[in-house]
Amino acid sequence: MKYCPKCGAEMADDARFCPKCGAEYIVQNANTEMVTGQVQTQSDTLKTAAKVFMVIGTVVLGLCTWIALAWCLPMTITYFDKVKKGEPVGTGFKVCCLLFVSLIAGIIMLCDNDNK
């Protein structure tokens, strides 16, 4: 018998999903076990938070000066497109968002491990 790493419920040795919480059970090697779903949810939450702060940063800078929209709007649209398509976002883009659009959104993006 094995146990679900997420909720601790008892599982059959050949089970891939926990009968109690439904988390997927993956054995990476003989000693490492992992629950998917939890990591994906955290990544999705970080991406949503980054989107919100990108929009807020674009609106605030747009109200201060119209010239700021020349770089804020394209960067925000590019980030939304990359997240929608599931493409990884480069570190350089994340740093540029941190510097030129929103400090908080940039930090959230840098904390998000979106390596596929």
PDB file of N, CA and C in Angstrom:
ATOM      1  N   MET A   1       0.835  -1.186   0.000  1.00  0.00           N
ATOM      2  CA  MET A   1       0.000   0.000   0.000  1.00  0.00           C
ATOM      3  C   MET A   1       0.880   1.248   0.000  1.00  0.00           C
ATOM      4  N   LYS A   2       0.367   2.286  -0.657  1.00  0.00           N
ATOM      5  CA  LYS A   2       1.054   3.569  -0.646  1.00  0.00           C
ATOM      6  C   LYS A   2       0.057   4.632  -0.195  1.00  0.00           C
ATOM      7  N   TYR A   3       0.571   5.810   0.091  1.00  0.00           N
ATOM      8  CA  TYR A   3      -0.259   6.886   0.627  1.00  0.00           C
ATOM      9  C   TYR A   3      -0.174   8.106  -0.277  1.00  0.00           C
ATOM     10  N   CYS A   4      -1.270   8.807  -0.396  1.00  0.00           N
ATOM     11  CA  CYS A   4      -1.330  10.019  -1.204  1.00  0.00           C
ATOM     12  C   CYS A   4      -0.494  11.104  -0.527  1.00  0.00           C
ATOM     13  N   PRO A   5       0.458  11.695  -1.268  1.00  0.00           N
ATOM     14  CA  PRO A   5       1.269  12.759  -0.677  1.00  0.00           C
ATOM     15  C   PRO A   5       0.471  14.034  -0.398  1.00  0.00           C
ATOM     16  N   LYS A   6      -0.686  14.200  -1.031  1.00  0.00           N
ATOM     17  CA  LYS A   6      -1.466  15.418  -0.843  1.00  0.00           C
ATOM     18  C   LYS A   6      -2.371  15.332   0.389  1.00  0.00           C
ATOM     19  N   CYS A   7      -3.154  14.228   0.499  1.00  0.00           N
ATOM     20  CA  CYS A   7      -4.113  14.145   1.602  1.00  0.00           C
ATOM     21  C   CYS A   7      -3.799  13.037   2.596  1.00  0.00           C
ATOM     22  N   GLY A   8      -2.882  12.130   2.250  1.00  0.00           N
ATOM     23  CA  GLY A   8      -2.488  11.065   3.161  1.00  0.00           C
ATOM     24  C   GLY A   8      -3.373   9.834   3.122  1.00  0.00           C
ATOM     25  N   ALA A   9      -4.332   9.792   2.216  1.00  0.00           N
ATOM     26  CA  ALA A   9      -5.229   8.638   2.128  1.00  0.00           C
ATOM     27  C   ALA A   9      -4.470   7.421   1.618  1.00  0.00           C
ATOM     28  N   GLU A  10      -4.947   6.246   2.039  1.00  0.00           N
ATOM     29  CA  GLU A  10      -4.330   4.995   1.614  1.00  0.00           C
ATOM     30  C   GLU A  10      -4.732   4.709   0.166  1.00  0.00           C
ATOM     31  N   MET A  11      -3.748   4.271  -0.641  1.00  0.00           N
ATOM     32  CA  MET A  11      -3.987   3.991  -2.050  1.00  0.00           C
ATOM     33  C   MET A  11      -3.479   2.600  -2.383  1.00  0.00           C
ATOM     34  N   ALA A  12      -4.074   1.989  -3.394  1.00  0.00           N
ATOM     35  CA  ALA A  12      -3.573   0.712  -3.891  1.00  0.00           C
ATOM     36  C   ALA A  12      -2.227   0.947  -4.562  1.00  0.00           C
ATOM     37  N   ASP A  13      -1.387  -0.082  -4.600  1.00  0.00           N
ATOM     38  CA  ASP A  13      -0.045   0.065  -5.165  1.00  0.00           C
ATOM     39  C   ASP A  13      -0.058   0.428  -6.643  1.00  0.00           C
ATOM     40  N   ASP A  14      -1.076   0.005  -7.381  1.00  0.00           N
ATOM     41  CA  ASP A  14      -1.109   0.273  -8.814  1.00  0.00           C
ATOM     42  C   ASP A  14      -1.978   1.481  -9.177  1.00  0.00           C
ATOM     43  N   ALA A  15      -2.491   2.195  -8.183  1.00  0.00           N
ATOM     44  CA  ALA A  15      -3.371   3.338  -8.439  1.00  0.00           C
ATOM     45  C   ALA A  15      -2.576   4.551  -8.911  1.00  0.00           C
ATOM     46  N   ARG A  16      -3.142   5.272  -9.888  1.00  0.00           N
ATOM     47  CA  ARG A  16      -2.529   6.513 -10.365  1.00  0.00           C
ATOM     48  C   ARG A  16      -3.161   7.728  -9.745  1.00  0.00           C
ATOM     49  N   PHE A  17      -4.413   7.599  -9.281  1.00  0.00           N
ATOM     50  CA  PHE A  17      -5.136   8.710  -8.697  1.00  0.00           C
ATOM     51  C   PHE A  17      -5.608   8.343  -7.300  1.00  0.00           C
ATOM     52  N   CYS A  18      -5.606   9.322  -6.419  1.00  0.00           N
ATOM     53  CA  CYS A  18      -6.059   9.119  -5.047  1.00  0.00           C
ATOM     54  C   CYS A  18      -7.579   8.932  -5.040  1.00  0.00           C
ATOM     55  N   PRO A  19      -8.092   7.897  -4.366  1.00  0.00           N
ATOM     56  CA  PRO A  19      -9.545   7.703  -4.336  1.00  0.00           C
ATOM     57  C   PRO A  19     -10.266   8.756  -3.489  1.00  0.00           C
ATOM     58  N   LYS A  20      -9.555   9.437  -2.599  1.00  0.00           N
ATOM     59  CA  LYS A  20     -10.185  10.419  -1.719  1.00  0.00           C
ATOM     60  C   LYS A  20     -10.202  11.822  -2.335  1.00  0.00           C
ATOM     61  N   CYS A  21      -9.008  12.311  -2.756  1.00  0.00           N
ATOM     62  CA  CYS A  21      -8.935  13.699  -3.249  1.00  0.00           C
ATOM     63  C   CYS A  21      -8.785  13.797  -4.766  1.00  0.00           C
ATOM     64  N   GLY A  22      -8.455  12.700  -5.444  1.00  0.00           N
ATOM     65  CA  GLY A  22      -8.336  12.709  -6.905  1.00  0.00           C
ATOM     66  C   GLY A  22      -7.007  13.194  -7.440  1.00  0.00           C
ATOM     67  N   ALA A  23      -6.029  13.445  -6.555  1.00  0.00           N
ATOM     68  CA  ALA A  23      -4.719  13.919  -7.005  1.00  0.00           C
ATOM     69  C   ALA A  23      -3.995  12.806  -7.749  1.00  0.00           C
ATOM     70  N   GLU A  24      -3.284  13.192  -8.814  1.00  0.00           N
ATOM     71  CA  GLU A  24      -2.520  12.216  -9.582  1.00  0.00           C
ATOM     72  C   GLU A  24      -1.236  11.870  -8.849  1.00  0.00           C
ATOM     73  N   TYR A  25      -0.920  10.598  -8.799  1.00  0.00           N
ATOM     74  CA  TYR A  25       0.271  10.101  -8.106  1.00  0.00           C
ATOM     75  C   TYR A  25       1.291   9.706  -9.161  1.00  0.00           C
ATOM     76  N   ILE A  26       2.449  10.360  -9.148  1.00  0.00           N
ATOM     77  CA  ILE A  26       3.491  10.075 -10.132  1.00  0.00           C
ATOM     78  C   ILE A  26       4.754   9.687  -9.395  1.00  0.00           C
ATOM     79  N   VAL A  27       5.379   8.610  -9.837  1.00  0.00           N
ATOM     80  CA  VAL A  27       6.655   8.205  -9.277  1.00  0.00           C
ATOM     81  C   VAL A  27       7.719   8.611 -10.281  1.00  0.00           C
ATOM     82  N   GLN A  28       8.559   9.584  -9.905  1.00  0.00           N
ATOM     83  CA  GLN A  28       9.603  10.053 -10.807  1.00  0.00           C
ATOM     84  C   GLN A  28      10.758   9.070 -10.836  1.00  0.00           C
ATOM     85  N   ASN A  29      11.150   8.585  -9.693  1.00  0.00           N
ATOM     86  CA  ASN A  29      12.139   7.521  -9.607  1.00  0.00           C
ATOM     87  C   ASN A  29      11.779   6.693  -8.398  1.00  0.00           C
ATOM     88  N   ALA A  30      12.616   5.776  -7.986  1.00  0.00           N
ATOM     89  CA  ALA A  30      12.264   4.856  -6.910  1.00  0.00           C
ATOM     90  C   ALA A  30      12.012   5.572  -5.581  1.00  0.00           C
ATOM     91  N   ASN A  31      12.617   6.739  -5.348  1.00  0.00           N
ATOM     92  CA  ASN A  31      12.494   7.403  -4.053  1.00  0.00           C
ATOM     93  C   ASN A  31      11.694   8.694  -4.066  1.00  0.00           C
ATOM     94  N   THR A  32      11.313   9.193  -5.235  1.00  0.00           N
ATOM     95  CA  THR A  32      10.666  10.492  -5.326  1.00  0.00           C
ATOM     96  C   THR A  32       9.225  10.328  -5.781  1.00  0.00           C
ATOM     97  N   GLU A  33       8.317  10.915  -5.043  1.00  0.00           N
ATOM     98  CA  GLU A  33       6.903  10.887  -5.390  1.00  0.00           C
ATOM     99  C   GLU A  33       6.435  12.323  -5.557  1.00  0.00           C
ATOM    100  N   MET A  34       5.414  12.490  -6.377  1.00  0.00           N
ATOM    101  CA  MET A  34       4.985  13.852  -6.661  1.00  0.00           C
ATOM    102  C   MET A  34       3.489  13.879  -6.926  1.00  0.00           C
ATOM    103  N   VAL A  35       2.847  14.934  -6.501  1.00  0.00           N
ATOM    104  CA  VAL A  35       1.439  15.155  -6.817  1.00  0.00           C
ATOM    105  C   VAL A  35       1.381  16.285  -7.819  1.00  0.00           C
ATOM    106  N   THR A  36       0.778  16.007  -8.990  1.00  0.00           N
ATOM    107  CA  THR A  36       0.565  17.095  -9.943  1.00  0.00           C
ATOM    108  C   THR A  36      -0.697  17.809  -9.539  1.00  0.00           C
ATOM    109  N   GLY A  37      -1.105  18.809 -10.225  1.00  0.00           N
ATOM    110  CA  GLY A  37      -2.333  19.516  -9.876  1.00  0.00           C
ATOM    111  C   GLY A  37      -2.061  20.629  -8.887  1.00  0.00           C
ATOM    112  N   GLN A  38      -1.407  20.339  -7.787  1.00  0.00           N
ATOM    113  CA  GLN A  38      -1.114  21.368  -6.794  1.00  0.00           C
ATOM    114  C   GLN A  38      -0.104  22.359  -7.359  1.00  0.00           C
ATOM    115  N   VAL A  39       0.920  21.871  -8.035  1.00  0.00           N
ATOM    116  CA  VAL A  39       1.927  22.745  -8.641  1.00  0.00           C
ATOM    117  C   VAL A  39       1.302  23.557  -9.764  1.00  0.00           C
ATOM    118  N   GLN A  40       0.454  22.929 -10.562  1.00  0.00           N
ATOM    119  CA  GLN A  40      -0.190  23.623 -11.662  1.00  0.00           C
ATOM    120  C   GLN A  40      -1.115  24.720 -11.146  1.00  0.00           C
ATOM    121  N   THR A  41      -1.829  24.454 -10.074  1.00  0.00           N
ATOM    122  CA  THR A  41      -2.736  25.450  -9.517  1.00  0.00           C
ATOM    123  C   THR A  41      -1.967  26.671  -9.019  1.00  0.00           C
ATOM    124  N   GLN A  42      -0.826  26.445  -8.367  1.00  0.00           N
ATOM    125  CA  GLN A  42      -0.019  27.556  -7.878  1.00  0.00           C
ATOM    126  C   GLN A  42       0.505  28.376  -9.054  1.00  0.00           C
ATOM    127  N   SER A  43       0.950  27.720 -10.111  1.00  0.00           N
ATOM    128  CA  SER A  43       1.457  28.425 -11.282  1.00  0.00           C
ATOM    129  C   SER A  43       0.345  29.246 -11.942  1.00  0.00           C
ATOM    130  N   ASP A  44      -0.854  28.669 -12.043  1.00  0.00           N
ATOM    131  CA  ASP A  44      -1.977  29.404 -12.624  1.00  0.00           C
ATOM    132  C   ASP A  44      -2.335  30.623 -11.781  1.00  0.00           C
ATOM    133  N   THR A  45      -2.272  30.482 -10.467  1.00  0.00           N
ATOM    134  CA  THR A  45      -2.571  31.599  -9.578  1.00  0.00           C
ATOM    135  C   THR A  45      -1.556  32.721  -9.750  1.00  0.00           C
ATOM    136  N   LEU A  46      -0.282  32.362  -9.868  1.00  0.00           N
ATOM    137  CA  LEU A  46       0.759  33.377 -10.072  1.00  0.00           C
ATOM    138  C   LEU A  46       0.576  34.091 -11.409  1.00  0.00           C
ATOM    139  N   LYS A  47       0.225  33.338 -12.441  1.00  0.00           N
ATOM    140  CA  LYS A  47       0.012  33.948 -13.755  1.00  0.00           C
ATOM    141  C   LYS A  47      -1.175  34.920 -13.719  1.00  0.00           C
ATOM    142  N   THR A  48      -2.249  34.529 -13.028  1.00  0.00           N
ATOM    143  CA  THR A  48      -3.416  35.407 -12.921  1.00  0.00           C
ATOM    144  C   THR A  48      -3.070  36.678 -12.147  1.00  0.00           C
ATOM    145  N   ALA A  49      -2.329  36.530 -11.053  1.00  0.00           N
ATOM    146  CA  ALA A  49      -1.925  37.707 -10.275  1.00  0.00           C
ATOM    147  C   ALA A  49      -1.034  38.623 -11.108  1.00  0.00           C
ATOM    148  N   ALA A  50      -0.118  38.041 -11.880  1.00  0.00           N
ATOM    149  CA  ALA A  50       0.756  38.855 -12.729  1.00  0.00           C
ATOM    150  C   ALA A  50      -0.061  39.599 -13.781  1.00  0.00           C
ATOM    151  N   LYS A  51      -1.067  38.935 -14.349  1.00  0.00           N
ATOM    152  CA  LYS A  51      -1.921  39.605 -15.338  1.00  0.00           C
ATOM    153  C   LYS A  51      -2.636  40.806 -14.717  1.00  0.00           C
ATOM    154  N   VAL A  52      -3.175  40.608 -13.524  1.00  0.00           N
ATOM    155  CA  VAL A  52      -3.904  41.697 -12.857  1.00  0.00           C
ATOM    156  C   VAL A  52      -2.984  42.896 -12.631  1.00  0.00           C
ATOM    157  N   PHE A  53      -1.791  42.645 -12.115  1.00  0.00           N
ATOM    158  CA  PHE A  53      -0.868  43.756 -11.847  1.00  0.00           C
ATOM    159  C   PHE A  53      -0.311  44.367 -13.125  1.00  0.00           C
ATOM    160  N   MET A  54      -0.207  43.589 -14.201  1.00  0.00           N
ATOM    161  CA  MET A  54       0.210  44.164 -15.492  1.00  0.00           C
ATOM    162  C   MET A  54      -0.854  45.151 -15.984  1.00  0.00           C
ATOM    163  N   VAL A  55      -2.117  44.768 -15.876  1.00  0.00           N
ATOM    164  CA  VAL A  55      -3.204  45.657 -16.319  1.00  0.00           C
ATOM    165  C   VAL A  55      -3.238  46.908 -15.451  1.00  0.00           C
ATOM    166  N   ILE A  56      -3.122  46.730 -14.131  1.00  0.00           N
ATOM    167  CA  ILE A  56      -3.128  47.894 -13.227  1.00  0.00           C
ATOM    168  C   ILE A  56      -1.960  48.822 -13.555  1.00  0.00           C
ATOM    169  N   GLY A  57      -0.769  48.262 -13.752  1.00  0.00           N
ATOM    170  CA  GLY A  57       0.402  49.078 -14.092  1.00  0.00           C
ATOM    171  C   GLY A  57       0.235  49.812 -15.406  1.00  0.00           C
ATOM    172  N   THR A  58      -0.349  49.133 -16.396  1.00  0.00           N
ATOM    173  CA  THR A  58      -0.571  49.766 -17.695  1.00  0.00           C
ATOM    174  C   THR A  58      -1.572  50.914 -17.575  1.00  0.00           C
ATOM    175  N   VAL A  59      -2.651  50.705 -16.825  1.00  0.00           N
ATOM    176  CA  VAL A  59      -3.656  51.759 -16.669  1.00  0.00           C
ATOM    177  C   VAL A  59      -3.080  52.956 -15.915  1.00  0.00           C
ATOM    178  N   VAL A  60      -2.366  52.685 -14.827  1.00  0.00           N
ATOM    179  CA  VAL A  60      -1.800  53.789 -14.029  1.00  0.00           C
ATOM    180  C   VAL A  60      -0.789  54.588 -14.844  1.00  0.00           C
ATOM    181  N   LEU A  61       0.124  53.902 -15.515  1.00  0.00           N
ATOM    182  CA  LEU A  61       1.112  54.621 -16.329  1.00  0.00           C
ATOM    183  C   LEU A  61       0.462  55.308 -17.523  1.00  0.00           C
ATOM    184  N   GLY A  62      -0.606  54.708 -18.056  1.00  0.00           N
ATOM    185  CA  GLY A  62      -1.331  55.328 -19.159  1.00  0.00           C
ATOM    186  C   GLY A  62      -2.027  56.604 -18.749  1.00  0.00           C
ATOM    187  N   LEU A  63      -2.515  56.640 -17.508  1.00  0.00           N
ATOM    188  CA  LEU A  63      -3.156  57.866 -17.011  1.00  0.00           C
ATOM    189  C   LEU A  63      -2.138  58.957 -16.732  1.00  0.00           C
ATOM    190  N   CYS A  64      -0.940  58.553 -16.311  1.00  0.00           N
ATOM    191  CA  CYS A  64       0.114  59.540 -16.012  1.00  0.00           C
ATOM    192  C   CYS A  64       0.669  60.157 -17.287  1.00  0.00           C
ATOM    193  N   THR A  65       0.974  59.328 -18.232  1.00  0.00           N
ATOM    194  CA  THR A  65       1.519  59.816 -19.501  1.00  0.00           C
ATOM    195  C   THR A  65       1.147  58.854 -20.612  1.00  0.00           C
ATOM    196  N   TRP A  66       0.673  59.403 -21.716  1.00  0.00           N
ATOM    197  CA  TRP A  66       0.254  58.565 -22.836  1.00  0.00           C
ATOM    198  C   TRP A  66       1.431  57.857 -23.493  1.00  0.00           C
ATOM    199  N   ILE A  67       2.609  58.418 -23.370  1.00  0.00           N
ATOM    200  CA  ILE A  67       3.789  57.819 -23.993  1.00  0.00           C
ATOM    201  C   ILE A  67       4.101  56.456 -23.380  1.00  0.00           C
ATOM    202  N   ALA A  68       3.790  56.281 -22.087  1.00  0.00           N
ATOM    203  CA  ALA A  68       4.049  55.003 -21.412  1.00  0.00           C
ATOM    204  C   ALA A  68       3.265  53.857 -22.042  1.00  0.00           C
ATOM    205  N   LEU A  69       2.141  54.150 -22.653  1.00  0.00           N
ATOM    206  CA  LEU A  69       1.362  53.100 -23.312  1.00  0.00           C
ATOM    207  C   LEU A  69       2.101  52.481 -24.489  1.00  0.00           C
ATOM    208  N   ALA A  70       3.083  53.195 -25.028  1.00  0.00           N
ATOM    209  CA  ALA A  70       3.852  52.682 -26.163  1.00  0.00           C
ATOM    210  C   ALA A  70       4.627  51.424 -25.801  1.00  0.00           C
ATOM    211  N   TRP A  71       5.018  51.262 -24.542  1.00  0.00           N
ATOM    212  CA  TRP A  71       5.712  50.029 -24.154  1.00  0.00           C
ATOM    213  C   TRP A  71       4.887  49.163 -23.209  1.00  0.00           C
ATOM    214  N   CYS A  72       4.017  49.768 -22.397  1.00  0.00           N
ATOM    215  CA  CYS A  72       3.221  48.976 -21.440  1.00  0.00           C
ATOM    216  C   CYS A  72       2.187  48.101 -22.135  1.00  0.00           C
ATOM    217  N   LEU A  73       1.450  48.674 -23.048  1.00  0.00           N
ATOM    218  CA  LEU A  73       0.390  47.933 -23.711  1.00  0.00           C
ATOM    219  C   LEU A  73       0.912  46.738 -24.518  1.00  0.00           C
ATOM    220  N   PRO A  74       1.937  46.898 -25.357  1.00  0.00           N
ATOM    221  CA  PRO A  74       2.450  45.728 -26.084  1.00  0.00           C
ATOM    222  C   PRO A  74       3.014  44.642 -25.158  1.00  0.00           C
ATOM    223  N   MET A  75       3.665  45.041 -24.070  1.00  0.00           N
ATOM    224  CA  MET A  75       4.210  44.043 -23.145  1.00  0.00           C
ATOM    225  C   MET A  75       3.089  43.284 -22.446  1.00  0.00           C
ATOM    226  N   THR A  76       2.038  43.984 -22.063  1.00  0.00           N
ATOM    227  CA  THR A  76       0.903  43.338 -21.411  1.00  0.00           C
ATOM    228  C   THR A  76       0.211  42.366 -22.371  1.00  0.00           C
ATOM    229  N   ILE A  77      -0.021  42.791 -23.591  1.00  0.00           N
ATOM    230  CA  ILE A  77      -0.664  41.935 -24.589  1.00  0.00           C
ATOM    231  C   ILE A  77       0.208  40.710 -24.888  1.00  0.00           C
ATOM    232  N   THR A  78       1.504  40.906 -25.000  1.00  0.00           N
ATOM    233  CA  THR A  78       2.414  39.788 -25.253  1.00  0.00           C
ATOM    234  C   THR A  78       2.373  38.776 -24.115  1.00  0.00           C
ATOM    235  N   TYR A  79       2.354  39.254 -22.872  1.00  0.00           N
ATOM    236  CA  TYR A  79       2.301  38.341 -21.731  1.00  0.00           C
ATOM    237  C   TYR A  79       0.992  37.550 -21.740  1.00  0.00           C
ATOM    238  N   PHE A  80      -0.131  38.219 -21.998  1.00  0.00           N
ATOM    239  CA  PHE A  80      -1.416  37.532 -22.055  1.00  0.00           C
ATOM    240  C   PHE A  80      -1.396  36.446 -23.134  1.00  0.00           C
ATOM    241  N   ASP A  81      -0.840  36.757 -24.320  1.00  0.00           N
ATOM    242  CA  ASP A  81      -0.774  35.788 -25.415  1.00  0.00           C
ATOM    243  C   ASP A  81       0.093  34.586 -25.052  1.00  0.00           C
ATOM    244  N   LYS A  82       1.250  34.834 -24.452  1.00  0.00           N
ATOM    245  CA  LYS A  82       2.139  33.733 -24.084  1.00  0.00           C
ATOM    246  C   LYS A  82       1.494  32.819 -23.043  1.00  0.00           C
ATOM    247  N   VAL A  83       0.808  33.395 -22.071  1.00  0.00           N
ATOM    248  CA  VAL A  83       0.140  32.582 -21.046  1.00  0.00           C
ATOM    249  C   VAL A  83      -0.996  31.774 -21.683  1.00  0.00           C
ATOM    250  N   LYS A  84      -1.745  32.412 -22.570  1.00  0.00           N
ATOM    251  CA  LYS A  84      -2.864  31.725 -23.228  1.00  0.00           C
ATOM    252  C   LYS A  84      -2.379  30.545 -24.068  1.00  0.00           C
ATOM    253  N   LYS A  85      -1.266  30.711 -24.780  1.00  0.00           N
ATOM    254  CA  LYS A  85      -0.723  29.647 -25.626  1.00  0.00           C
ATOM    255  C   LYS A  85       0.096  28.635 -24.842  1.00  0.00           C
ATOM    256  N   GLY A  86       0.398  28.939 -23.574  1.00  0.00           N
ATOM    257  CA  GLY A  86       1.194  28.026 -22.757  1.00  0.00           C
ATOM    258  C   GLY A  86       2.681  28.090 -23.047  1.00  0.00           C
ATOM    259  N   GLU A  87       3.119  29.163 -23.674  1.00  0.00           N
ATOM    260  CA  GLU A  87       4.539  29.323 -23.990  1.00  0.00           C
ATOM    261  C   GLU A  87       5.294  29.861 -22.769  1.00  0.00           C
ATOM    262  N   PRO A  88       6.542  29.435 -22.586  1.00  0.00           N
ATOM    263  CA  PRO A  88       7.317  29.996 -21.464  1.00  0.00           C
ATOM    264  C   PRO A  88       7.678  31.452 -21.736  1.00  0.00           C
ATOM    265  N   VAL A  89       7.782  32.218 -20.674  1.00  0.00           N
ATOM    266  CA  VAL A  89       8.137  33.635 -20.767  1.00  0.00           C
ATOM    267  C   VAL A  89       9.594  33.766 -20.351  1.00  0.00           C
ATOM    268  N   GLY A  90      10.396  34.434 -21.162  1.00  0.00           N
ATOM    269  CA  GLY A  90      11.817  34.567 -20.897  1.00  0.00           C
ATOM    270  C   GLY A  90      12.120  35.472 -19.709  1.00  0.00           C
ATOM    271  N   THR A  91      13.271  35.248 -19.106  1.00  0.00           N
ATOM    272  CA  THR A  91      13.688  36.029 -17.950  1.00  0.00           C
ATOM    273  C   THR A  91      13.881  37.501 -18.322  1.00  0.00           C
ATOM    274  N   GLY A  92      14.400  37.766 -19.498  1.00  0.00           N
ATOM    275  CA  GLY A  92      14.591  39.146 -19.941  1.00  0.00           C
ATOM    276  C   GLY A  92      13.266  39.899 -20.034  1.00  0.00           C
ATOM    277  N   PHE A  93      12.250  39.236 -20.556  1.00  0.00           N
ATOM    278  CA  PHE A  93      10.920  39.848 -20.644  1.00  0.00           C
ATOM    279  C   PHE A  93      10.371  40.125 -19.253  1.00  0.00           C
ATOM    280  N   LYS A  94      10.567  39.178 -18.332  1.00  0.00           N
ATOM    281  CA  LYS A  94      10.095  39.351 -16.958  1.00  0.00           C
ATOM    282  C   LYS A  94      10.771  40.539 -16.282  1.00  0.00           C
ATOM    283  N   VAL A  95      12.072  40.674 -16.500  1.00  0.00           N
ATOM    284  CA  VAL A  95      12.809  41.799 -15.906  1.00  0.00           C
ATOM    285  C   VAL A  95      12.349  43.123 -16.521  1.00  0.00           C
ATOM    286  N   CYS A  96      12.125  43.150 -17.830  1.00  0.00           N
ATOM    287  CA  CYS A  96      11.626  44.371 -18.475  1.00  0.00           C
ATOM    288  C   CYS A  96      10.248  44.749 -17.945  1.00  0.00           C
ATOM    289  N   CYS A  97       9.381  43.764 -17.710  1.00  0.00           N
ATOM    290  CA  CYS A  97       8.071  44.049 -17.114  1.00  0.00           C
ATOM    291  C   CYS A  97       8.239  44.613 -15.715  1.00  0.00           C
ATOM    292  N   LEU A  98       9.195  44.067 -14.972  1.00  0.00           N
ATOM    293  CA  LEU A  98       9.472  44.559 -13.621  1.00  0.00           C
ATOM    294  C   LEU A  98       9.902  46.018 -13.659  1.00  0.00           C
ATOM    295  N   LEU A  99      10.758  46.380 -14.604  1.00  0.00           N
ATOM    296  CA  LEU A  99      11.299  47.728 -14.673  1.00  0.00           C
ATOM    297  C   LEU A  99      10.345  48.744 -15.301  1.00  0.00           C
ATOM    298  N   PHE A 100       9.621  48.337 -16.332  1.00  0.00           N
ATOM    299  CA  PHE A 100       8.886  49.313 -17.136  1.00  0.00           C
ATOM    300  C   PHE A 100       7.366  49.279 -16.998  1.00  0.00           C
ATOM    301  N   VAL A 101       6.788  48.203 -16.461  1.00  0.00           N
ATOM    302  CA  VAL A 101       5.329  48.130 -16.366  1.00  0.00           C
ATOM    303  C   VAL A 101       4.881  48.112 -14.912  1.00  0.00           C
ATOM    304  N   SER A 102       5.257  47.059 -14.186  1.00  0.00           N
ATOM    305  CA  SER A 102       4.796  46.921 -12.808  1.00  0.00           C
ATOM    306  C   SER A 102       5.822  46.133 -12.006  1.00  0.00           C
ATOM    307  N   LEU A 103       6.304  46.727 -10.948  1.00  0.00           N
ATOM    308  CA  LEU A 103       7.282  46.074 -10.074  1.00  0.00           C
ATOM    309  C   LEU A 103       6.708  44.778  -9.507  1.00  0.00           C
ATOM    310  N   ILE A 104       5.469  44.828  -9.044  1.00  0.00           N
ATOM    311  CA  ILE A 104       4.852  43.646  -8.429  1.00  0.00           C
ATOM    312  C   ILE A 104       4.643  42.543  -9.463  1.00  0.00           C
ATOM    313  N   ALA A 105       4.134  42.883 -10.640  1.00  0.00           N
ATOM    314  CA  ALA A 105       3.919  41.879 -11.683  1.00  0.00           C
ATOM    315  C   ALA A 105       5.233  41.235 -12.097  1.00  0.00           C
ATOM    316  N   GLY A 106       6.284  42.031 -12.207  1.00  0.00           N
ATOM    317  CA  GLY A 106       7.592  41.487 -12.566  1.00  0.00           C
ATOM    318  C   GLY A 106       8.123  40.523 -11.525  1.00  0.00           C
ATOM    319  N   ILE A 107       7.957  40.855 -10.261  1.00  0.00           N
ATOM    320  CA  ILE A 107       8.411  39.962  -9.193  1.00  0.00           C
ATOM    321  C   ILE A 107       7.609  38.670  -9.207  1.00  0.00           C
ATOM    322  N   ILE A 108       6.290  38.774  -9.399  1.00  0.00           N
ATOM    323  CA  ILE A 108       5.457  37.567  -9.467  1.00  0.00           C
ATOM    324  C   ILE A 108       5.886  36.693 -10.635  1.00  0.00           C
ATOM    325  N   MET A 109       6.142  37.306 -11.777  1.00  0.00           N
ATOM    326  CA  MET A 109       6.565  36.530 -12.947  1.00  0.00           C
ATOM    327  C   MET A 109       7.897  35.839 -12.692  1.00  0.00           C
ATOM    328  N   LEU A 110       8.817  36.530 -12.041  1.00  0.00           N
ATOM    329  CA  LEU A 110      10.116  35.908 -11.749  1.00  0.00           C
ATOM    330  C   LEU A 110       9.979  34.766 -10.747  1.00  0.00           C
ATOM    331  N   CYS A 111       8.996  34.836  -9.862  1.00  0.00           N
ATOM    332  CA  CYS A 111       8.761  33.756  -8.893  1.00  0.00           C
ATOM    333  C   CYS A 111       8.076  32.557  -9.531  1.00  0.00           C
ATOM    334  N   ASP A 112       7.385  32.764 -10.646  1.00  0.00           N
ATOM    335  CA  ASP A 112       6.656  31.691 -11.306  1.00  0.00           C
ATOM    336  C   ASP A 112       7.635  30.819 -12.081  1.00  0.00           C
ATOM    337  N   ASN A 113       7.626  29.542 -11.778  1.00  0.00           N
ATOM    338  CA  ASN A 113       8.490  28.597 -12.476  1.00  0.00           C
ATOM    339  C   ASN A 113       7.680  27.998 -13.622  1.00  0.00           C
ATOM    340  N   ASP A 114       7.713  28.628 -14.787  1.00  0.00           N
ATOM    341  CA  ASP A 114       6.902  28.165 -15.903  1.00  0.00           C
ATOM    342  C   ASP A 114       7.717  27.370 -16.920  1.00  0.00           C
ATOM    343  N   ASN A 115       8.813  26.778 -16.503  1.00  0.00           N
ATOM    344  CA  ASN A 115       9.606  25.947 -17.414  1.00  0.00           C
ATOM    345  C   ASN A 115       8.812  24.702 -17.783  1.00  0.00           C
ATOM    346  N   LYS A 116       8.707  24.457 -19.044  1.00  0.00           N
ATOM    347  CA  LYS A 116       7.942  23.296 -19.526  1.00  0.00           C
ATOM    348  C   LYS A 116       8.869  22.124 -19.719  1.00  0.00           C
TER     349      LYS A 116
END
